Amino acid sequence: MTAANDWTKEMATKGFPELKQLYTLLGAPKNVELFANTHFQHNYNYVSRAAFFGFINKHFKLAWKSRWWRRITIDWGARNWRSGT
C-alpha cells in the first residue's frame, strides 16, 4: 500500500494496522507493506510507483533484474506521458 498527502495520509494509523493484524492472523505478515510518502501530494509519483513495482516483483517472484520502470516519466501537470527509454 502507498500513502501520500491526500485522502490516504492517515493510512499508517487508520487502515494499515488492521490489515497488518489480519495478515498476521492469516500467517502472512510479510505479504502486506505500507510505503508512506506523505511528503508527496499524490501517489502518482516515482517513489510510490517504484515501491509498487518492487513489491510486485518480490511477491510474484517475477525476477525482474532491471528496474525498467525507472525509465518511465509521467508528467501529470502537462497532461501527457513519455517514456524515458
C-alpha atoms as a PDB file:
ATOM      1  CA  MET A   1       0.000   0.000   0.000  1.00  0.00           C
ATOM      2  CA  THR A   2       1.083   3.561  -0.517  1.00  0.00           C
ATOM      3  CA  ALA A   3       0.151   6.775   1.234  1.00  0.00           C
ATOM      4  CA  ALA A   4       0.583  10.420   0.251  1.00  0.00           C
ATOM      5  CA  ASN A   5      -0.608  13.799   1.468  1.00  0.00           C
ATOM      6  CA  ASP A   6      -4.122  13.123   0.202  1.00  0.00           C
ATOM      7  CA  TRP A   7      -7.034  11.035   1.467  1.00  0.00           C
ATOM      8  CA  THR A   8      -4.548   8.207   2.181  1.00  0.00           C
ATOM      9  CA  LYS A   9      -2.345  10.243   4.572  1.00  0.00           C
ATOM     10  CA  GLU A  10      -3.732   8.562   7.685  1.00  0.00           C
ATOM     11  CA  MET A  11      -3.175   5.049   6.335  1.00  0.00           C
ATOM     12  CA  ALA A  12      -0.352   4.388   8.814  1.00  0.00           C
ATOM     13  CA  THR A  13      -2.755   4.773  11.750  1.00  0.00           C
ATOM     14  CA  LYS A  14      -6.148   4.107  10.168  1.00  0.00           C
ATOM     15  CA  GLY A  15      -6.355   1.070   7.959  1.00  0.00           C
ATOM     16  CA  PHE A  16      -2.874  -0.368   7.714  1.00  0.00           C
ATOM     17  CA  PRO A  17      -2.599  -1.578  11.341  1.00  0.00           C
ATOM     18  CA  GLU A  18      -5.817  -3.527  10.862  1.00  0.00           C
ATOM     19  CA  LEU A  19      -4.589  -5.011   7.585  1.00  0.00           C
ATOM     20  CA  LYS A  20      -1.283  -5.962   9.199  1.00  0.00           C
ATOM     21  CA  GLN A  21      -3.197  -7.617  12.025  1.00  0.00           C
ATOM     22  CA  LEU A  22      -5.327  -9.568   9.538  1.00  0.00           C
ATOM     23  CA  TYR A  23      -2.324 -10.732   7.524  1.00  0.00           C
ATOM     24  CA  THR A  24      -0.584 -11.742  10.764  1.00  0.00           C
ATOM     25  CA  LEU A  25      -3.647 -13.729  11.792  1.00  0.00           C
ATOM     26  CA  LEU A  26      -3.520 -15.467   8.409  1.00  0.00           C
ATOM     27  CA  GLY A  27       0.160 -16.297   8.928  1.00  0.00           C
ATOM     28  CA  ALA A  28       1.450 -13.953   6.226  1.00  0.00           C
ATOM     29  CA  PRO A  29       2.554 -10.689   7.898  1.00  0.00           C
ATOM     30  CA  LYS A  30       5.255 -10.101   5.291  1.00  0.00           C
ATOM     31  CA  ASN A  31       2.692 -10.047   2.489  1.00  0.00           C
ATOM     32  CA  VAL A  32       1.409  -6.573   3.331  1.00  0.00           C
ATOM     33  CA  GLU A  33       3.536  -3.435   3.373  1.00  0.00           C
ATOM     34  CA  LEU A  34       2.945   0.286   3.636  1.00  0.00           C
ATOM     35  CA  PHE A  35       5.067   2.834   1.806  1.00  0.00           C
ATOM     36  CA  ALA A  36       4.021   6.095   3.470  1.00  0.00           C
ATOM     37  CA  ASN A  37       5.375   9.004   1.456  1.00  0.00           C
ATOM     38  CA  THR A  38       3.152  11.710   2.857  1.00  0.00           C
ATOM     39  CA  HIS A  39       5.510  14.470   1.728  1.00  0.00           C
ATOM     40  CA  PHE A  40       4.120  13.934  -1.802  1.00  0.00           C
ATOM     41  CA  GLN A  41       0.769  15.475  -2.729  1.00  0.00           C
ATOM     42  CA  HIS A  42      -0.432  12.368  -4.580  1.00  0.00           C
ATOM     43  CA  ASN A  43       0.502   8.729  -5.218  1.00  0.00           C
ATOM     44  CA  TYR A  44       1.369   9.132  -8.904  1.00  0.00           C
ATOM     45  CA  ASN A  45       4.998   9.931  -8.052  1.00  0.00           C
ATOM     46  CA  TYR A  46       8.018   7.848  -8.971  1.00  0.00           C
ATOM     47  CA  VAL A  47       8.718   6.779  -5.383  1.00  0.00           C
ATOM     48  CA  SER A  48       5.250   5.241  -4.987  1.00  0.00           C
ATOM     49  CA  ARG A  49       5.453   3.527  -8.375  1.00  0.00           C
ATOM     50  CA  ALA A  50       8.902   2.096  -7.610  1.00  0.00           C
ATOM     51  CA  ALA A  51       7.663   0.741  -4.268  1.00  0.00           C
ATOM     52  CA  PHE A  52       4.675  -0.859  -6.013  1.00  0.00           C
ATOM     53  CA  PHE A  53       6.759  -2.486  -8.770  1.00  0.00           C
ATOM     54  CA  GLY A  54       9.332  -3.718  -6.238  1.00  0.00           C
ATOM     55  CA  PHE A  55       6.550  -5.252  -4.124  1.00  0.00           C
ATOM     56  CA  ILE A  56       5.001  -6.956  -7.154  1.00  0.00           C
ATOM     57  CA  ASN A  57       8.404  -8.226  -8.300  1.00  0.00           C
ATOM     58  CA  LYS A  58       9.116  -9.720  -4.874  1.00  0.00           C
ATOM     59  CA  HIS A  59       5.737 -11.292  -4.139  1.00  0.00           C
ATOM     60  CA  PHE A  60       5.002 -12.627  -7.620  1.00  0.00           C
ATOM     61  CA  LYS A  61       8.625 -13.791  -7.976  1.00  0.00           C
ATOM     62  CA  LEU A  62       8.937 -12.153 -11.384  1.00  0.00           C
ATOM     63  CA  ALA A  63      12.743 -11.912 -11.170  1.00  0.00           C
ATOM     64  CA  TRP A  64      12.891  -8.529 -12.857  1.00  0.00           C
ATOM     65  CA  LYS A  65      16.593  -7.815 -12.769  1.00  0.00           C
ATOM     66  CA  SER A  66      16.476  -4.420 -14.376  1.00  0.00           C
ATOM     67  CA  ARG A  67      14.459  -1.583 -12.970  1.00  0.00           C
ATOM     68  CA  TRP A  68      12.696  -0.823 -16.260  1.00  0.00           C
ATOM     69  CA  TRP A  69      10.043   1.238 -14.501  1.00  0.00           C
ATOM     70  CA  ARG A  70      12.689   3.877 -13.696  1.00  0.00           C
ATOM     71  CA  ARG A  71      12.739   4.801 -17.373  1.00  0.00           C
ATOM     72  CA  ILE A  72       9.119   5.914 -17.347  1.00  0.00           C
ATOM     73  CA  THR A  73       8.428   9.553 -16.575  1.00  0.00           C
ATOM     74  CA  ILE A  74       4.894  10.761 -16.160  1.00  0.00           C
ATOM     75  CA  ASP A  75       4.169  14.456 -16.215  1.00  0.00           C
ATOM     76  CA  TRP A  76       0.632  14.776 -14.857  1.00  0.00           C
ATOM     77  CA  GLY A  77       0.737  18.555 -14.811  1.00  0.00           C
ATOM     78  CA  ALA A  78       1.268  18.744 -18.572  1.00  0.00           C
ATOM     79  CA  ARG A  79      -1.368  16.028 -19.163  1.00  0.00           C
ATOM     80  CA  ASN A  80       0.952  13.857 -21.188  1.00  0.00           C
ATOM     81  CA  TRP A  81       3.278  10.976 -20.633  1.00  0.00           C
ATOM     82  CA  ARG A  82       6.530   9.986 -22.191  1.00  0.00           C
ATOM     83  CA  SER A  83       8.857   7.057 -21.914  1.00  0.00           C
ATOM     84  CA  GLY A  84      12.429   7.791 -20.949  1.00  0.00           C
ATOM     85  CA  THR A  85      13.737   4.835 -22.921  1.00  0.00           C
END
